[in-house]
Amino acid sequence: MSAIASIDHAMYGVSQLFLVPVLVAISAAFAYAFVALGGFVRQAWQRHQGLPAGFEMRMWRELEPALSLSHLEALALRRLELVRLVTRVAPMLGLVATMIPMGPALKALADGQMAEVSRSLMVAFSAVILALIAAAITYAVAQVRRRWYAADMLSLSGDEELMS
């Protein structure tokens, strides 16, 4: 066996080890996307009703009046961090989950095992679909929340100017 062939086999073996963790991560991202969506819908309803809980930056300022706008901006970024991370990482995980089963699918195709090809492709396409749905949901949540936080910060900066 040549050195290149042994490297190929080693890389193939290592890549196959990542399929289960990647599928678990995609499942977690998909579940988180719906948790984030639920929190977003609740906050949208609170904002629509004019409830203080819907206006997080104002609520933080009321709880801690000494917080500067810079501290509130850091809180807003921290609040958006996980949803933005899922937005960016989920498509990458989907691509990885698509590519890993392709090796076994191509090998099965060469061996004439169409049922195995079908099973591998089903895993690949299902994973990428769930990852993209998770990314789309979290992207929408992140964008609207970012706008809400910016509006809250603007209103707070206007309040700060009035106080001085």
C-alpha atoms as a PDB file:
ATOM      1  CA  MET A   1       0.000   0.000   0.000  1.00  0.00           C
ATOM      2  CA  SER A   2       1.462   3.341  -0.985  1.00  0.00           C
ATOM      3  CA  ALA A   3       1.914   6.252   1.382  1.00  0.00           C
ATOM      4  CA  ILE A   4      -0.770   8.246  -0.423  1.00  0.00           C
ATOM      5  CA  ALA A   5      -3.272   5.404  -0.159  1.00  0.00           C
ATOM      6  CA  SER A   6      -2.632   5.022   3.561  1.00  0.00           C
ATOM      7  CA  ILE A   7      -3.070   8.779   4.069  1.00  0.00           C
ATOM      8  CA  ASP A   8      -6.316   8.619   2.063  1.00  0.00           C
ATOM      9  CA  HIS A   9      -7.632   5.776   4.216  1.00  0.00           C
ATOM     10  CA  ALA A  10      -6.634   7.567   7.413  1.00  0.00           C
ATOM     11  CA  MET A  11      -8.335  10.798   6.321  1.00  0.00           C
ATOM     12  CA  TYR A  12     -11.455   8.889   5.308  1.00  0.00           C
ATOM     13  CA  GLY A  13     -11.574   7.125   8.674  1.00  0.00           C
ATOM     14  CA  VAL A  14     -11.095  10.339  10.623  1.00  0.00           C
ATOM     15  CA  SER A  15     -13.753  12.158   8.594  1.00  0.00           C
ATOM     16  CA  GLN A  16     -16.278   9.390   9.295  1.00  0.00           C
ATOM     17  CA  LEU A  17     -15.717   9.878  13.042  1.00  0.00           C
ATOM     18  CA  PHE A  18     -17.172  13.375  12.764  1.00  0.00           C
ATOM     19  CA  LEU A  19     -20.551  12.426  11.295  1.00  0.00           C
ATOM     20  CA  VAL A  20     -22.325  11.714  14.583  1.00  0.00           C
ATOM     21  CA  PRO A  21     -20.995  14.821  16.417  1.00  0.00           C
ATOM     22  CA  VAL A  22     -21.900  17.010  13.428  1.00  0.00           C
ATOM     23  CA  LEU A  23     -25.419  15.555  13.271  1.00  0.00           C
ATOM     24  CA  VAL A  24     -25.824  16.127  17.017  1.00  0.00           C
ATOM     25  CA  ALA A  25     -24.625  19.732  16.607  1.00  0.00           C
ATOM     26  CA  ILE A  26     -27.095  20.292  13.753  1.00  0.00           C
ATOM     27  CA  SER A  27     -29.898  18.856  15.878  1.00  0.00           C
ATOM     28  CA  ALA A  28     -28.928  21.182  18.738  1.00  0.00           C
ATOM     29  CA  ALA A  29     -28.813  24.187  16.387  1.00  0.00           C
ATOM     30  CA  PHE A  30     -32.210  23.263  14.956  1.00  0.00           C
ATOM     31  CA  ALA A  31     -33.739  22.951  18.439  1.00  0.00           C
ATOM     32  CA  TYR A  32     -32.091  26.201  19.561  1.00  0.00           C
ATOM     33  CA  ALA A  33     -33.465  28.024  16.498  1.00  0.00           C
ATOM     34  CA  PHE A  34     -37.008  27.255  17.627  1.00  0.00           C
ATOM     35  CA  VAL A  35     -36.238  28.237  21.221  1.00  0.00           C
ATOM     36  CA  ALA A  36     -34.820  31.528  19.911  1.00  0.00           C
ATOM     37  CA  LEU A  37     -37.857  31.980  17.678  1.00  0.00           C
ATOM     38  CA  GLY A  38     -40.191  31.435  20.637  1.00  0.00           C
ATOM     39  CA  GLY A  39     -38.323  34.019  22.714  1.00  0.00           C
ATOM     40  CA  PHE A  40     -38.379  36.395  19.777  1.00  0.00           C
ATOM     41  CA  VAL A  41     -42.151  36.024  19.276  1.00  0.00           C
ATOM     42  CA  ARG A  42     -42.693  36.594  23.006  1.00  0.00           C
ATOM     43  CA  GLN A  43     -40.509  39.709  22.924  1.00  0.00           C
ATOM     44  CA  ALA A  44     -42.259  40.999  19.781  1.00  0.00           C
ATOM     45  CA  TRP A  45     -45.618  40.618  21.524  1.00  0.00           C
ATOM     46  CA  GLN A  46     -44.254  42.408  24.611  1.00  0.00           C
ATOM     47  CA  ARG A  47     -42.930  45.262  22.482  1.00  0.00           C
ATOM     48  CA  HIS A  48     -46.234  45.480  20.611  1.00  0.00           C
ATOM     49  CA  GLN A  49     -48.083  45.698  23.942  1.00  0.00           C
ATOM     50  CA  GLY A  50     -45.597  48.307  25.228  1.00  0.00           C
ATOM     51  CA  LEU A  51     -44.531  46.053  28.107  1.00  0.00           C
ATOM     52  CA  PRO A  52     -41.177  46.934  29.690  1.00  0.00           C
ATOM     53  CA  ALA A  53     -39.872  43.353  29.330  1.00  0.00           C
ATOM     54  CA  GLY A  54     -39.933  43.751  25.545  1.00  0.00           C
ATOM     55  CA  PHE A  55     -37.490  46.627  25.702  1.00  0.00           C
ATOM     56  CA  GLU A  56     -34.438  44.907  27.158  1.00  0.00           C
ATOM     57  CA  MET A  57     -32.025  47.837  27.024  1.00  0.00           C
ATOM     58  CA  ARG A  58     -34.458  50.132  28.799  1.00  0.00           C
ATOM     59  CA  MET A  59     -35.157  47.420  31.368  1.00  0.00           C
ATOM     60  CA  TRP A  60     -31.429  46.957  32.038  1.00  0.00           C
ATOM     61  CA  ARG A  61     -31.015  50.736  32.400  1.00  0.00           C
ATOM     62  CA  GLU A  62     -33.892  50.909  34.855  1.00  0.00           C
ATOM     63  CA  LEU A  63     -32.486  48.027  36.904  1.00  0.00           C
ATOM     64  CA  GLU A  64     -28.977  49.499  36.850  1.00  0.00           C
ATOM     65  CA  PRO A  65     -29.088  53.278  36.177  1.00  0.00           C
ATOM     66  CA  ALA A  66     -25.283  53.536  36.343  1.00  0.00           C
ATOM     67  CA  LEU A  67     -24.876  51.452  33.179  1.00  0.00           C
ATOM     68  CA  SER A  68     -23.368  53.521  30.396  1.00  0.00           C
ATOM     69  CA  LEU A  69     -24.462  53.207  26.802  1.00  0.00           C
ATOM     70  CA  SER A  70     -21.211  51.321  26.119  1.00  0.00           C
ATOM     71  CA  HIS A  71     -22.097  48.765  28.790  1.00  0.00           C
ATOM     72  CA  LEU A  72     -25.596  48.427  27.370  1.00  0.00           C
ATOM     73  CA  GLU A  73     -24.136  47.939  23.900  1.00  0.00           C
ATOM     74  CA  ALA A  74     -21.922  45.159  25.285  1.00  0.00           C
ATOM     75  CA  LEU A  75     -25.008  43.564  26.849  1.00  0.00           C
ATOM     76  CA  ALA A  76     -26.831  43.745  23.519  1.00  0.00           C
ATOM     77  CA  LEU A  77     -23.899  42.106  21.740  1.00  0.00           C
ATOM     78  CA  ARG A  78     -23.756  39.375  24.383  1.00  0.00           C
ATOM     79  CA  ARG A  79     -27.512  38.826  24.006  1.00  0.00           C
ATOM     80  CA  LEU A  80     -27.084  38.409  20.234  1.00  0.00           C
ATOM     81  CA  GLU A  81     -23.928  36.306  20.405  1.00  0.00           C
ATOM     82  CA  LEU A  82     -25.395  32.792  20.446  1.00  0.00           C
ATOM     83  CA  VAL A  83     -28.065  33.463  17.830  1.00  0.00           C
ATOM     84  CA  ARG A  84     -25.453  35.017  15.519  1.00  0.00           C
ATOM     85  CA  LEU A  85     -23.084  32.103  16.123  1.00  0.00           C
ATOM     86  CA  VAL A  86     -25.762  29.574  15.154  1.00  0.00           C
ATOM     87  CA  THR A  87     -26.561  31.673  12.071  1.00  0.00           C
ATOM     88  CA  ARG A  88     -22.975  31.384  10.883  1.00  0.00           C
ATOM     89  CA  VAL A  89     -22.042  27.878  12.035  1.00  0.00           C
ATOM     90  CA  ALA A  90     -25.185  25.931  11.065  1.00  0.00           C
ATOM     91  CA  PRO A  91     -24.603  26.193   7.283  1.00  0.00           C
ATOM     92  CA  MET A  92     -21.002  25.061   7.734  1.00  0.00           C
ATOM     93  CA  LEU A  93     -22.147  22.075   9.755  1.00  0.00           C
ATOM     94  CA  GLY A  94     -24.714  21.336   7.060  1.00  0.00           C
ATOM     95  CA  LEU A  95     -22.003  21.301   4.428  1.00  0.00           C
ATOM     96  CA  VAL A  96     -19.852  18.988   6.539  1.00  0.00           C
ATOM     97  CA  ALA A  97     -22.846  16.713   7.141  1.00  0.00           C
ATOM     98  CA  THR A  98     -23.455  16.644   3.390  1.00  0.00           C
ATOM     99  CA  MET A  99     -19.892  15.803   2.461  1.00  0.00           C
ATOM    100  CA  ILE A 100     -19.160  13.095   5.048  1.00  0.00           C
ATOM    101  CA  PRO A 101     -21.832  10.640   3.797  1.00  0.00           C
ATOM    102  CA  MET A 102     -20.811  11.243   0.183  1.00  0.00           C
ATOM    103  CA  GLY A 103     -17.730   9.022   0.570  1.00  0.00           C
ATOM    104  CA  PRO A 104     -19.725   5.964   1.627  1.00  0.00           C
ATOM    105  CA  ALA A 105     -22.403   6.804  -0.965  1.00  0.00           C
ATOM    106  CA  LEU A 106     -19.874   6.888  -3.794  1.00  0.00           C
ATOM    107  CA  LYS A 107     -18.272   3.664  -2.585  1.00  0.00           C
ATOM    108  CA  ALA A 108     -21.695   1.999  -2.388  1.00  0.00           C
ATOM    109  CA  LEU A 109     -22.520   3.278  -5.875  1.00  0.00           C
ATOM    110  CA  ALA A 110     -19.317   1.716  -7.210  1.00  0.00           C
ATOM    111  CA  ASP A 111     -20.268  -1.554  -5.512  1.00  0.00           C
ATOM    112  CA  GLY A 112     -23.820  -1.425  -6.928  1.00  0.00           C
ATOM    113  CA  GLN A 113     -25.470  -1.099  -3.490  1.00  0.00           C
ATOM    114  CA  MET A 114     -28.213   1.379  -4.329  1.00  0.00           C
ATOM    115  CA  ALA A 115     -29.972   1.048  -0.945  1.00  0.00           C
ATOM    116  CA  GLU A 116     -26.777   2.181   0.800  1.00  0.00           C
ATOM    117  CA  VAL A 117     -26.401   5.074  -1.667  1.00  0.00           C
ATOM    118  CA  SER A 118     -29.965   6.121  -0.899  1.00  0.00           C
ATOM    119  CA  ARG A 119     -29.432   5.927   2.865  1.00  0.00           C
ATOM    120  CA  SER A 120     -26.244   8.001   2.740  1.00  0.00           C
ATOM    121  CA  LEU A 121     -27.803  10.652   0.527  1.00  0.00           C
ATOM    122  CA  MET A 122     -30.878  10.810   2.763  1.00  0.00           C
ATOM    123  CA  VAL A 123     -28.659  11.608   5.751  1.00  0.00           C
ATOM    124  CA  ALA A 124     -26.694  14.179   3.754  1.00  0.00           C
ATOM    125  CA  PHE A 125     -29.690  16.071   2.407  1.00  0.00           C
ATOM    126  CA  SER A 126     -31.727  15.918   5.623  1.00  0.00           C
ATOM    127  CA  ALA A 127     -28.843  17.338   7.619  1.00  0.00           C
ATOM    128  CA  VAL A 128     -28.218  20.235   5.271  1.00  0.00           C
ATOM    129  CA  ILE A 129     -31.922  21.109   5.146  1.00  0.00           C
ATOM    130  CA  LEU A 130     -32.214  21.226   8.946  1.00  0.00           C
ATOM    131  CA  ALA A 131     -29.000  23.257   9.200  1.00  0.00           C
ATOM    132  CA  LEU A 132     -30.216  25.800   6.653  1.00  0.00           C
ATOM    133  CA  ILE A 133     -33.604  26.124   8.345  1.00  0.00           C
ATOM    134  CA  ALA A 134     -31.849  26.730  11.673  1.00  0.00           C
ATOM    135  CA  ALA A 135     -29.616  29.355  10.049  1.00  0.00           C
ATOM    136  CA  ALA A 136     -32.550  31.107   8.380  1.00  0.00           C
ATOM    137  CA  ILE A 137     -34.557  31.309  11.593  1.00  0.00           C
ATOM    138  CA  THR A 138     -31.656  32.525  13.714  1.00  0.00           C
ATOM    139  CA  TYR A 139     -30.632  35.028  11.034  1.00  0.00           C
ATOM    140  CA  ALA A 140     -34.090  36.599  11.052  1.00  0.00           C
ATOM    141  CA  VAL A 141     -34.152  36.706  14.856  1.00  0.00           C
ATOM    142  CA  ALA A 142     -30.670  38.258  15.018  1.00  0.00           C
ATOM    143  CA  GLN A 143     -31.430  40.933  12.429  1.00  0.00           C
ATOM    144  CA  VAL A 144     -34.680  42.121  13.975  1.00  0.00           C
ATOM    145  CA  ARG A 145     -33.295  42.029  17.512  1.00  0.00           C
ATOM    146  CA  ARG A 146     -30.258  44.010  16.371  1.00  0.00           C
ATOM    147  CA  ARG A 147     -32.602  46.674  14.995  1.00  0.00           C
ATOM    148  CA  TRP A 148     -34.650  46.673  18.209  1.00  0.00           C
ATOM    149  CA  TYR A 149     -31.537  47.079  20.344  1.00  0.00           C
ATOM    150  CA  ALA A 150     -30.279  49.899  18.134  1.00  0.00           C
ATOM    151  CA  ALA A 151     -33.630  51.690  18.463  1.00  0.00           C
ATOM    152  CA  ASP A 152     -33.588  51.179  22.239  1.00  0.00           C
ATOM    153  CA  MET A 153     -30.047  52.545  22.433  1.00  0.00           C
ATOM    154  CA  LEU A 154     -31.022  55.586  20.370  1.00  0.00           C
ATOM    155  CA  SER A 155     -33.946  56.318  22.654  1.00  0.00           C
ATOM    156  CA  LEU A 156     -31.715  55.915  25.700  1.00  0.00           C
ATOM    157  CA  SER A 157     -29.078  58.204  24.246  1.00  0.00           C
ATOM    158  CA  GLY A 158     -31.816  60.815  23.712  1.00  0.00           C
ATOM    159  CA  ASP A 159     -32.887  60.370  27.357  1.00  0.00           C
ATOM    160  CA  GLU A 160     -29.249  60.795  28.434  1.00  0.00           C
ATOM    161  CA  GLU A 161     -28.952  64.041  26.471  1.00  0.00           C
ATOM    162  CA  LEU A 162     -32.107  65.350  28.110  1.00  0.00           C
ATOM    163  CA  MET A 163     -30.720  64.526  31.565  1.00  0.00           C
ATOM    164  CA  SER A 164     -27.496  66.517  31.054  1.00  0.00           C
END
